[in-house]
Amino acid sequence: VSLQMNMLKSEDTAVYYCNTVRRSF
């Protein structure tokens, strides 16, 4: 699963994680 991020802004600064919508992993 991918996340294409365009036109990035300073407020996008963060640690990015993936998981299920239910956070089951």
mmCIF file of all heavy atoms, coordinates in Angstrom:
data_MODEL
# 
_entry.id   MODEL 
# 
loop_
_atom_site.group_PDB 
_atom_site.id 
_atom_site.type_symbol 
_atom_site.label_atom_id 
_atom_site.label_alt_id 
_atom_site.label_comp_id 
_atom_site.label_asym_id 
_atom_site.label_entity_id 
_atom_site.label_seq_id 
_atom_site.pdbx_PDB_ins_code 
_atom_site.Cartn_x 
_atom_site.Cartn_y 
_atom_site.Cartn_z 
_atom_site.occupancy 
_atom_site.B_iso_or_equiv 
_atom_site.pdbx_formal_charge 
_atom_site.auth_seq_id 
_atom_site.auth_comp_id 
_atom_site.auth_asym_id 
_atom_site.auth_atom_id 
_atom_site.pdbx_PDB_model_num 
ATOM 1   N N   . VAL A 1 1  ? 0.874   -1.169 0.000  1.00 0.00 ? 1  VAL A N   1 
ATOM 2   C CA  . VAL A 1 1  ? 0.000   0.000  0.000  1.00 0.00 ? 1  VAL A CA  1 
ATOM 3   C C   . VAL A 1 1  ? 0.913   1.222  0.000  1.00 0.00 ? 1  VAL A C   1 
ATOM 4   O O   . VAL A 1 1  ? 1.887   1.273  0.755  1.00 0.00 ? 1  VAL A O   1 
ATOM 5   C CB  . VAL A 1 1  ? -0.978  0.003  1.202  1.00 0.00 ? 1  VAL A CB  1 
ATOM 6   C CG1 . VAL A 1 1  ? -0.256  -0.105 2.524  1.00 0.00 ? 1  VAL A CG1 1 
ATOM 7   C CG2 . VAL A 1 1  ? -1.868  1.232  1.159  1.00 0.00 ? 1  VAL A CG2 1 
ATOM 8   N N   . SER A 1 2  ? 0.613   2.172  -0.871 1.00 0.00 ? 2  SER A N   1 
ATOM 9   C CA  . SER A 1 2  ? 1.464   3.334  -1.054 1.00 0.00 ? 2  SER A CA  1 
ATOM 10  C C   . SER A 1 2  ? 0.714   4.617  -0.763 1.00 0.00 ? 2  SER A C   1 
ATOM 11  O O   . SER A 1 2  ? -0.515  4.649  -0.770 1.00 0.00 ? 2  SER A O   1 
ATOM 12  C CB  . SER A 1 2  ? 1.996   3.369  -2.491 1.00 0.00 ? 2  SER A CB  1 
ATOM 13  O OG  . SER A 1 2  ? 2.801   2.243  -2.748 1.00 0.00 ? 2  SER A OG  1 
ATOM 14  N N   . LEU A 1 3  ? 1.491   5.654  -0.500 1.00 0.00 ? 3  LEU A N   1 
ATOM 15  C CA  . LEU A 1 3  ? 0.927   6.984  -0.309 1.00 0.00 ? 3  LEU A CA  1 
ATOM 16  C C   . LEU A 1 3  ? 1.762   7.952  -1.130 1.00 0.00 ? 3  LEU A C   1 
ATOM 17  O O   . LEU A 1 3  ? 2.920   8.218  -0.791 1.00 0.00 ? 3  LEU A O   1 
ATOM 18  C CB  . LEU A 1 3  ? 0.946   7.386  1.167  1.00 0.00 ? 3  LEU A CB  1 
ATOM 19  C CG  . LEU A 1 3  ? 0.237   8.695  1.503  1.00 0.00 ? 3  LEU A CG  1 
ATOM 20  C CD1 . LEU A 1 3  ? -1.276  8.559  1.274  1.00 0.00 ? 3  LEU A CD1 1 
ATOM 21  C CD2 . LEU A 1 3  ? 0.517   9.129  2.944  1.00 0.00 ? 3  LEU A CD2 1 
ATOM 22  N N   . GLN A 1 4  ? 1.172   8.452  -2.190 1.00 0.00 ? 4  GLN A N   1 
ATOM 23  C CA  . GLN A 1 4  ? 1.822   9.472  -3.021 1.00 0.00 ? 4  GLN A CA  1 
ATOM 24  C C   . GLN A 1 4  ? 1.492   10.825 -2.418 1.00 0.00 ? 4  GLN A C   1 
ATOM 25  O O   . GLN A 1 4  ? 0.315   11.164 -2.268 1.00 0.00 ? 4  GLN A O   1 
ATOM 26  C CB  . GLN A 1 4  ? 1.329   9.392  -4.460 1.00 0.00 ? 4  GLN A CB  1 
ATOM 27  C CG  . GLN A 1 4  ? 1.905   10.470 -5.357 1.00 0.00 ? 4  GLN A CG  1 
ATOM 28  C CD  . GLN A 1 4  ? 3.395   10.309 -5.583 1.00 0.00 ? 4  GLN A CD  1 
ATOM 29  O OE1 . GLN A 1 4  ? 3.880   9.208  -5.770 1.00 0.00 ? 4  GLN A OE1 1 
ATOM 30  N NE2 . GLN A 1 4  ? 4.119   11.433 -5.580 1.00 0.00 ? 4  GLN A NE2 1 
ATOM 31  N N   . MET A 1 5  ? 2.515   11.572 -2.050 1.00 0.00 ? 5  MET A N   1 
ATOM 32  C CA  . MET A 1 5  ? 2.322   12.857 -1.398 1.00 0.00 ? 5  MET A CA  1 
ATOM 33  C C   . MET A 1 5  ? 2.901   13.956 -2.273 1.00 0.00 ? 5  MET A C   1 
ATOM 34  O O   . MET A 1 5  ? 4.113   13.989 -2.511 1.00 0.00 ? 5  MET A O   1 
ATOM 35  C CB  . MET A 1 5  ? 3.000   12.853 -0.025 1.00 0.00 ? 5  MET A CB  1 
ATOM 36  C CG  . MET A 1 5  ? 2.565   11.695 0.867  1.00 0.00 ? 5  MET A CG  1 
ATOM 37  S SD  . MET A 1 5  ? 3.237   11.802 2.531  1.00 0.00 ? 5  MET A SD  1 
ATOM 38  C CE  . MET A 1 5  ? 4.978   11.654 2.179  1.00 0.00 ? 5  MET A CE  1 
ATOM 39  N N   . ASN A 1 6  ? 2.033   14.812 -2.763 1.00 0.00 ? 6  ASN A N   1 
ATOM 40  C CA  . ASN A 1 6  ? 2.444   15.927 -3.611 1.00 0.00 ? 6  ASN A CA  1 
ATOM 41  C C   . ASN A 1 6  ? 2.210   17.248 -2.894 1.00 0.00 ? 6  ASN A C   1 
ATOM 42  O O   . ASN A 1 6  ? 1.456   17.310 -1.927 1.00 0.00 ? 6  ASN A O   1 
ATOM 43  C CB  . ASN A 1 6  ? 1.660   15.904 -4.925 1.00 0.00 ? 6  ASN A CB  1 
ATOM 44  C CG  . ASN A 1 6  ? 1.899   14.651 -5.736 1.00 0.00 ? 6  ASN A CG  1 
ATOM 45  O OD1 . ASN A 1 6  ? 2.982   14.062 -5.711 1.00 0.00 ? 6  ASN A OD1 1 
ATOM 46  N ND2 . ASN A 1 6  ? 0.879   14.221 -6.457 1.00 0.00 ? 6  ASN A ND2 1 
ATOM 47  N N   . MET A 1 7  ? 2.851   18.278 -3.402 1.00 0.00 ? 7  MET A N   1 
ATOM 48  C CA  . MET A 1 7  ? 2.685   19.630 -2.849 1.00 0.00 ? 7  MET A CA  1 
ATOM 49  C C   . MET A 1 7  ? 2.850   19.609 -1.327 1.00 0.00 ? 7  MET A C   1 
ATOM 50  O O   . MET A 1 7  ? 2.010   20.138 -0.591 1.00 0.00 ? 7  MET A O   1 
ATOM 51  C CB  . MET A 1 7  ? 1.341   20.206 -3.262 1.00 0.00 ? 7  MET A CB  1 
ATOM 52  C CG  . MET A 1 7  ? 1.197   20.377 -4.763 1.00 0.00 ? 7  MET A CG  1 
ATOM 53  S SD  . MET A 1 7  ? -0.390  21.114 -5.220 1.00 0.00 ? 7  MET A SD  1 
ATOM 54  C CE  . MET A 1 7  ? -1.495  19.758 -4.862 1.00 0.00 ? 7  MET A CE  1 
ATOM 55  N N   . LEU A 1 8  ? 3.904   19.000 -0.866 1.00 0.00 ? 8  LEU A N   1 
ATOM 56  C CA  . LEU A 1 8  ? 4.113   18.851 0.569  1.00 0.00 ? 8  LEU A CA  1 
ATOM 57  C C   . LEU A 1 8  ? 4.286   20.196 1.251  1.00 0.00 ? 8  LEU A C   1 
ATOM 58  O O   . LEU A 1 8  ? 4.849   21.151 0.684  1.00 0.00 ? 8  LEU A O   1 
ATOM 59  C CB  . LEU A 1 8  ? 5.318   17.952 0.837  1.00 0.00 ? 8  LEU A CB  1 
ATOM 60  C CG  . LEU A 1 8  ? 5.022   16.458 0.660  1.00 0.00 ? 8  LEU A CG  1 
ATOM 61  C CD1 . LEU A 1 8  ? 6.303   15.665 0.465  1.00 0.00 ? 8  LEU A CD1 1 
ATOM 62  C CD2 . LEU A 1 8  ? 4.238   15.928 1.854  1.00 0.00 ? 8  LEU A CD2 1 
ATOM 63  N N   . LYS A 1 9  ? 3.791   20.257 2.479  1.00 0.00 ? 9  LYS A N   1 
ATOM 64  C CA  . LYS A 1 9  ? 3.850   21.461 3.289  1.00 0.00 ? 9  LYS A CA  1 
ATOM 65  C C   . LYS A 1 9  ? 4.614   21.150 4.579  1.00 0.00 ? 9  LYS A C   1 
ATOM 66  O O   . LYS A 1 9  ? 4.723   20.001 4.991  1.00 0.00 ? 9  LYS A O   1 
ATOM 67  C CB  . LYS A 1 9  ? 2.436   21.931 3.651  1.00 0.00 ? 9  LYS A CB  1 
ATOM 68  C CG  . LYS A 1 9  ? 1.523   22.161 2.462  1.00 0.00 ? 9  LYS A CG  1 
ATOM 69  C CD  . LYS A 1 9  ? 0.129   22.532 2.931  1.00 0.00 ? 9  LYS A CD  1 
ATOM 70  C CE  . LYS A 1 9  ? -0.819  22.740 1.754  1.00 0.00 ? 9  LYS A CE  1 
ATOM 71  N NZ  . LYS A 1 9  ? -2.189  23.097 2.212  1.00 0.00 ? 9  LYS A NZ  1 
ATOM 72  N N   . SER A 1 10 ? 5.073   22.176 5.250  1.00 0.00 ? 10 SER A N   1 
ATOM 73  C CA  . SER A 1 10 ? 5.813   21.978 6.490  1.00 0.00 ? 10 SER A CA  1 
ATOM 74  C C   . SER A 1 10 ? 4.949   21.245 7.523  1.00 0.00 ? 10 SER A C   1 
ATOM 75  O O   . SER A 1 10 ? 5.465   20.452 8.317  1.00 0.00 ? 10 SER A O   1 
ATOM 76  C CB  . SER A 1 10 ? 6.293   23.305 7.051  1.00 0.00 ? 10 SER A CB  1 
ATOM 77  O OG  . SER A 1 10 ? 5.200   24.181 7.258  1.00 0.00 ? 10 SER A OG  1 
ATOM 78  N N   . GLU A 1 11 ? 3.653   21.495 7.493  1.00 0.00 ? 11 GLU A N   1 
ATOM 79  C CA  . GLU A 1 11 ? 2.772   20.838 8.463  1.00 0.00 ? 11 GLU A CA  1 
ATOM 80  C C   . GLU A 1 11 ? 2.562   19.355 8.179  1.00 0.00 ? 11 GLU A C   1 
ATOM 81  O O   . GLU A 1 11 ? 1.928   18.655 8.973  1.00 0.00 ? 11 GLU A O   1 
ATOM 82  C CB  . GLU A 1 11 ? 1.425   21.551 8.536  1.00 0.00 ? 11 GLU A CB  1 
ATOM 83  C CG  . GLU A 1 11 ? 0.755   21.799 7.208  1.00 0.00 ? 11 GLU A CG  1 
ATOM 84  C CD  . GLU A 1 11 ? 1.004   23.204 6.685  1.00 0.00 ? 11 GLU A CD  1 
ATOM 85  O OE1 . GLU A 1 11 ? 2.178   23.679 6.734  1.00 0.00 ? 11 GLU A OE1 1 
ATOM 86  O OE2 . GLU A 1 11 ? 0.029   23.827 6.190  1.00 0.00 ? 11 GLU A OE2 1 
ATOM 87  N N   . ASP A 1 12 ? 3.081   18.860 7.067  1.00 0.00 ? 12 ASP A N   1 
ATOM 88  C CA  . ASP A 1 12 ? 3.034   17.424 6.794  1.00 0.00 ? 12 ASP A CA  1 
ATOM 89  C C   . ASP A 1 12 ? 4.174   16.680 7.487  1.00 0.00 ? 12 ASP A C   1 
ATOM 90  O O   . ASP A 1 12 ? 4.229   15.454 7.452  1.00 0.00 ? 12 ASP A O   1 
ATOM 91  C CB  . ASP A 1 12 ? 3.108   17.164 5.291  1.00 0.00 ? 12 ASP A CB  1 
ATOM 92  C CG  . ASP A 1 12 ? 1.923   17.709 4.532  1.00 0.00 ? 12 ASP A CG  1 
ATOM 93  O OD1 . ASP A 1 12 ? 0.783   17.564 5.023  1.00 0.00 ? 12 ASP A OD1 1 
ATOM 94  O OD2 . ASP A 1 12 ? 2.132   18.289 3.442  1.00 0.00 ? 12 ASP A OD2 1 
ATOM 95  N N   . THR A 1 13 ? 5.081   17.425 8.083  1.00 0.00 ? 13 THR A N   1 
ATOM 96  C CA  . THR A 1 13 ? 6.207   16.796 8.773  1.00 0.00 ? 13 THR A CA  1 
ATOM 97  C C   . THR A 1 13 ? 5.710   15.913 9.909  1.00 0.00 ? 13 THR A C   1 
ATOM 98  O O   . THR A 1 13 ? 4.970   16.363 10.791 1.00 0.00 ? 13 THR A O   1 
ATOM 99  C CB  . THR A 1 13 ? 7.151   17.873 9.335  1.00 0.00 ? 13 THR A CB  1 
ATOM 100 O OG1 . THR A 1 13 ? 7.735   18.590 8.246  1.00 0.00 ? 13 THR A OG1 1 
ATOM 101 C CG2 . THR A 1 13 ? 8.259   17.249 10.172 1.00 0.00 ? 13 THR A CG2 1 
ATOM 102 N N   . ALA A 1 14 ? 6.095   14.649 9.878  1.00 0.00 ? 14 ALA A N   1 
ATOM 103 C CA  . ALA A 1 14 ? 5.632   13.673 10.866 1.00 0.00 ? 14 ALA A CA  1 
ATOM 104 C C   . ALA A 1 14 ? 6.283   12.328 10.566 1.00 0.00 ? 14 ALA A C   1 
ATOM 105 O O   . ALA A 1 14 ? 6.933   12.158 9.524  1.00 0.00 ? 14 ALA A O   1 
ATOM 106 C CB  . ALA A 1 14 ? 4.117   13.528 10.808 1.00 0.00 ? 14 ALA A CB  1 
ATOM 107 N N   . VAL A 1 15 ? 6.085   11.391 11.472 1.00 0.00 ? 15 VAL A N   1 
ATOM 108 C CA  . VAL A 1 15 ? 6.399   9.997  11.183 1.00 0.00 ? 15 VAL A CA  1 
ATOM 109 C C   . VAL A 1 15 ? 5.124   9.357  10.635 1.00 0.00 ? 15 VAL A C   1 
ATOM 110 O O   . VAL A 1 15 ? 4.051   9.499  11.226 1.00 0.00 ? 15 VAL A O   1 
ATOM 111 C CB  . VAL A 1 15 ? 6.880   9.245  12.445 1.00 0.00 ? 15 VAL A CB  1 
ATOM 112 C CG1 . VAL A 1 15 ? 7.186   7.787  12.100 1.00 0.00 ? 15 VAL A CG1 1 
ATOM 113 C CG2 . VAL A 1 15 ? 8.111   9.916  13.027 1.00 0.00 ? 15 VAL A CG2 1 
ATOM 114 N N   . TYR A 1 16 ? 5.267   8.680  9.507  1.00 0.00 ? 16 TYR A N   1 
ATOM 115 C CA  . TYR A 1 16 ? 4.122   8.087  8.831  1.00 0.00 ? 16 TYR A CA  1 
ATOM 116 C C   . TYR A 1 16 ? 4.124   6.573  9.043  1.00 0.00 ? 16 TYR A C   1 
ATOM 117 O O   . TYR A 1 16 ? 5.172   5.916  8.928  1.00 0.00 ? 16 TYR A O   1 
ATOM 118 C CB  . TYR A 1 16 ? 4.162   8.418  7.345  1.00 0.00 ? 16 TYR A CB  1 
ATOM 119 C CG  . TYR A 1 16 ? 3.754   9.839  7.052  1.00 0.00 ? 16 TYR A CG  1 
ATOM 120 C CD1 . TYR A 1 16 ? 4.571   10.904 7.400  1.00 0.00 ? 16 TYR A CD1 1 
ATOM 121 C CD2 . TYR A 1 16 ? 2.535   10.123 6.439  1.00 0.00 ? 16 TYR A CD2 1 
ATOM 122 C CE1 . TYR A 1 16 ? 4.187   12.206 7.152  1.00 0.00 ? 16 TYR A CE1 1 
ATOM 123 C CE2 . TYR A 1 16 ? 2.147   11.421 6.180  1.00 0.00 ? 16 TYR A CE2 1 
ATOM 124 C CZ  . TYR A 1 16 ? 2.975   12.460 6.545  1.00 0.00 ? 16 TYR A CZ  1 
ATOM 125 O OH  . TYR A 1 16 ? 2.595   13.759 6.303  1.00 0.00 ? 16 TYR A OH  1 
ATOM 126 N N   . TYR A 1 17 ? 2.953   6.052  9.344  1.00 0.00 ? 17 TYR A N   1 
ATOM 127 C CA  . TYR A 1 17 ? 2.780   4.625  9.631  1.00 0.00 ? 17 TYR A CA  1 
ATOM 128 C C   . TYR A 1 17 ? 1.654   4.058  8.766  1.00 0.00 ? 17 TYR A C   1 
ATOM 129 O O   . TYR A 1 17 ? 0.712   4.781  8.410  1.00 0.00 ? 17 TYR A O   1 
ATOM 130 C CB  . TYR A 1 17 ? 2.379   4.404  11.087 1.00 0.00 ? 17 TYR A CB  1 
ATOM 131 C CG  . TYR A 1 17 ? 3.327   4.955  12.115 1.00 0.00 ? 17 TYR A CG  1 
ATOM 132 C CD1 . TYR A 1 17 ? 3.231   6.270  12.556 1.00 0.00 ? 17 TYR A CD1 1 
ATOM 133 C CD2 . TYR A 1 17 ? 4.314   4.144  12.683 1.00 0.00 ? 17 TYR A CD2 1 
ATOM 134 C CE1 . TYR A 1 17 ? 4.093   6.773  13.520 1.00 0.00 ? 17 TYR A CE1 1 
ATOM 135 C CE2 . TYR A 1 17 ? 5.172   4.635  13.650 1.00 0.00 ? 17 TYR A CE2 1 
ATOM 136 C CZ  . TYR A 1 17 ? 5.049   5.943  14.062 1.00 0.00 ? 17 TYR A CZ  1 
ATOM 137 O OH  . TYR A 1 17 ? 5.908   6.437  15.020 1.00 0.00 ? 17 TYR A OH  1 
ATOM 138 N N   . CYS A 1 18 ? 1.734   2.780  8.485  1.00 0.00 ? 18 CYS A N   1 
ATOM 139 C CA  . CYS A 1 18 ? 0.575   2.134  7.858  1.00 0.00 ? 18 CYS A CA  1 
ATOM 140 C C   . CYS A 1 18 ? 0.034   1.064  8.805  1.00 0.00 ? 18 CYS A C   1 
ATOM 141 O O   . CYS A 1 18 ? 0.743   0.546  9.671  1.00 0.00 ? 18 CYS A O   1 
ATOM 142 C CB  . CYS A 1 18 ? 0.910   1.553  6.494  1.00 0.00 ? 18 CYS A CB  1 
ATOM 143 S SG  . CYS A 1 18 ? 1.879   0.048  6.515  1.00 0.00 ? 18 CYS A SG  1 
ATOM 144 N N   . ASN A 1 19 ? -1.227  0.764  8.655  1.00 0.00 ? 19 ASN A N   1 
ATOM 145 C CA  . ASN A 1 19 ? -1.902  -0.240 9.460  1.00 0.00 ? 19 ASN A CA  1 
ATOM 146 C C   . ASN A 1 19 ? -3.278  -0.442 8.833  1.00 0.00 ? 19 ASN A C   1 
ATOM 147 O O   . ASN A 1 19 ? -3.650  0.234  7.877  1.00 0.00 ? 19 ASN A O   1 
ATOM 148 C CB  . ASN A 1 19 ? -2.047  0.244  10.908 1.00 0.00 ? 19 ASN A CB  1 
ATOM 149 C CG  . ASN A 1 19 ? -2.074  -0.905 11.911 1.00 0.00 ? 19 ASN A CG  1 
ATOM 150 O OD1 . ASN A 1 19 ? -2.709  -1.929 11.665 1.00 0.00 ? 19 ASN A OD1 1 
ATOM 151 N ND2 . ASN A 1 19 ? -1.380  -0.750 13.020 1.00 0.00 ? 19 ASN A ND2 1 
ATOM 152 N N   . THR A 1 20 ? -4.037  -1.358 9.367  1.00 0.00 ? 20 THR A N   1 
ATOM 153 C CA  . THR A 1 20 ? -5.420  -1.465 8.928  1.00 0.00 ? 20 THR A CA  1 
ATOM 154 C C   . THR A 1 20 ? -6.217  -0.311 9.537  1.00 0.00 ? 20 THR A C   1 
ATOM 155 O O   . THR A 1 20 ? -5.756  0.361  10.470 1.00 0.00 ? 20 THR A O   1 
ATOM 156 C CB  . THR A 1 20 ? -6.040  -2.787 9.362  1.00 0.00 ? 20 THR A CB  1 
ATOM 157 O OG1 . THR A 1 20 ? -6.131  -2.798 10.788 1.00 0.00 ? 20 THR A OG1 1 
ATOM 158 C CG2 . THR A 1 20 ? -5.219  -3.971 8.877  1.00 0.00 ? 20 THR A CG2 1 
ATOM 159 N N   . VAL A 1 21 ? -7.411  -0.098 9.012  1.00 0.00 ? 21 VAL A N   1 
ATOM 160 C CA  . VAL A 1 21 ? -8.261  0.952  9.549  1.00 0.00 ? 21 VAL A CA  1 
ATOM 161 C C   . VAL A 1 21 ? -8.595  0.668  11.018 1.00 0.00 ? 21 VAL A C   1 
ATOM 162 O O   . VAL A 1 21 ? -8.739  1.590  11.815 1.00 0.00 ? 21 VAL A O   1 
ATOM 163 C CB  . VAL A 1 21 ? -9.536  1.092  8.694  1.00 0.00 ? 21 VAL A CB  1 
ATOM 164 C CG1 . VAL A 1 21 ? -10.537 2.011  9.365  1.00 0.00 ? 21 VAL A CG1 1 
ATOM 165 C CG2 . VAL A 1 21 ? -9.194  1.614  7.306  1.00 0.00 ? 21 VAL A CG2 1 
ATOM 166 N N   . ARG A 1 22 ? -8.629  -0.594 11.372 1.00 0.00 ? 22 ARG A N   1 
ATOM 167 C CA  . ARG A 1 22 ? -8.911  -0.973 12.756 1.00 0.00 ? 22 ARG A CA  1 
ATOM 168 C C   . ARG A 1 22 ? -7.637  -1.063 13.599 1.00 0.00 ? 22 ARG A C   1 
ATOM 169 O O   . ARG A 1 22 ? -7.696  -1.501 14.753 1.00 0.00 ? 22 ARG A O   1 
ATOM 170 C CB  . ARG A 1 22 ? -9.651  -2.310 12.798 1.00 0.00 ? 22 ARG A CB  1 
ATOM 171 C CG  . ARG A 1 22 ? -11.046 -2.256 12.217 1.00 0.00 ? 22 ARG A CG  1 
ATOM 172 C CD  . ARG A 1 22 ? -11.787 -3.557 12.418 1.00 0.00 ? 22 ARG A CD  1 
ATOM 173 N NE  . ARG A 1 22 ? -13.154 -3.483 11.956 1.00 0.00 ? 22 ARG A NE  1 
ATOM 174 C CZ  . ARG A 1 22 ? -14.041 -4.465 12.079 1.00 0.00 ? 22 ARG A CZ  1 
ATOM 175 N NH1 . ARG A 1 22 ? -13.695 -5.594 12.655 1.00 0.00 ? 22 ARG A NH1 1 
ATOM 176 N NH2 . ARG A 1 22 ? -15.267 -4.320 11.632 1.00 0.00 ? 22 ARG A NH2 1 
ATOM 177 N N   . ARG A 1 23 ? -6.525  -0.712 12.993 1.00 0.00 ? 23 ARG A N   1 
ATOM 178 C CA  . ARG A 1 23 ? -5.238  -0.738 13.711 1.00 0.00 ? 23 ARG A CA  1 
ATOM 179 C C   . ARG A 1 23 ? -4.947  -2.132 14.262 1.00 0.00 ? 23 ARG A C   1 
ATOM 180 O O   . ARG A 1 23 ? -4.466  -2.282 15.395 1.00 0.00 ? 23 ARG A O   1 
ATOM 181 C CB  . ARG A 1 23 ? -5.201  0.299  14.832 1.00 0.00 ? 23 ARG A CB  1 
ATOM 182 C CG  . ARG A 1 23 ? -5.531  1.708  14.364 1.00 0.00 ? 23 ARG A CG  1 
ATOM 183 C CD  . ARG A 1 23 ? -5.307  2.744  15.429 1.00 0.00 ? 23 ARG A CD  1 
ATOM 184 N NE  . ARG A 1 23 ? -5.571  4.088  14.950 1.00 0.00 ? 23 ARG A NE  1 
ATOM 185 C CZ  . ARG A 1 23 ? -5.134  5.199  15.520 1.00 0.00 ? 23 ARG A CZ  1 
ATOM 186 N NH1 . ARG A 1 23 ? -4.386  5.138  16.600 1.00 0.00 ? 23 ARG A NH1 1 
ATOM 187 N NH2 . ARG A 1 23 ? -5.439  6.381  15.014 1.00 0.00 ? 23 ARG A NH2 1 
ATOM 188 N N   . SER A 1 24 ? -5.217  -3.154 13.483 1.00 0.00 ? 24 SER A N   1 
ATOM 189 C CA  . SER A 1 24 ? -5.123  -4.524 13.965 1.00 0.00 ? 24 SER A CA  1 
ATOM 190 C C   . SER A 1 24 ? -3.743  -5.137 13.810 1.00 0.00 ? 24 SER A C   1 
ATOM 191 O O   . SER A 1 24 ? -3.471  -6.201 14.354 1.00 0.00 ? 24 SER A O   1 
ATOM 192 C CB  . SER A 1 24 ? -6.166  -5.392 13.263 1.00 0.00 ? 24 SER A CB  1 
ATOM 193 O OG  . SER A 1 24 ? -6.060  -5.247 11.864 1.00 0.00 ? 24 SER A OG  1 
ATOM 194 N N   . PHE A 1 25 ? -2.847  -4.478 13.057 1.00 0.00 ? 25 PHE A N   1 
ATOM 195 C CA  . PHE A 1 25 ? -1.487  -4.969 12.937 1.00 0.00 ? 25 PHE A CA  1 
ATOM 196 C C   . PHE A 1 25 ? -0.619  -4.378 14.033 1.00 0.00 ? 25 PHE A C   1 
ATOM 197 O O   . PHE A 1 25 ? -0.963  -3.359 14.646 1.00 0.00 ? 25 PHE A O   1 
ATOM 198 C CB  . PHE A 1 25 ? -0.880  -4.567 11.598 1.00 0.00 ? 25 PHE A CB  1 
ATOM 199 C CG  . PHE A 1 25 ? -1.492  -5.226 10.393 1.00 0.00 ? 25 PHE A CG  1 
ATOM 200 C CD1 . PHE A 1 25 ? -1.184  -4.778 9.120  1.00 0.00 ? 25 PHE A CD1 1 
ATOM 201 C CD2 . PHE A 1 25 ? -2.355  -6.296 10.507 1.00 0.00 ? 25 PHE A CD2 1 
ATOM 202 C CE1 . PHE A 1 25 ? -1.730  -5.379 8.001  1.00 0.00 ? 25 PHE A CE1 1 
ATOM 203 C CE2 . PHE A 1 25 ? -2.910  -6.907 9.398  1.00 0.00 ? 25 PHE A CE2 1 
ATOM 204 C CZ  . PHE A 1 25 ? -2.592  -6.430 8.143  1.00 0.00 ? 25 PHE A CZ  1 
# 
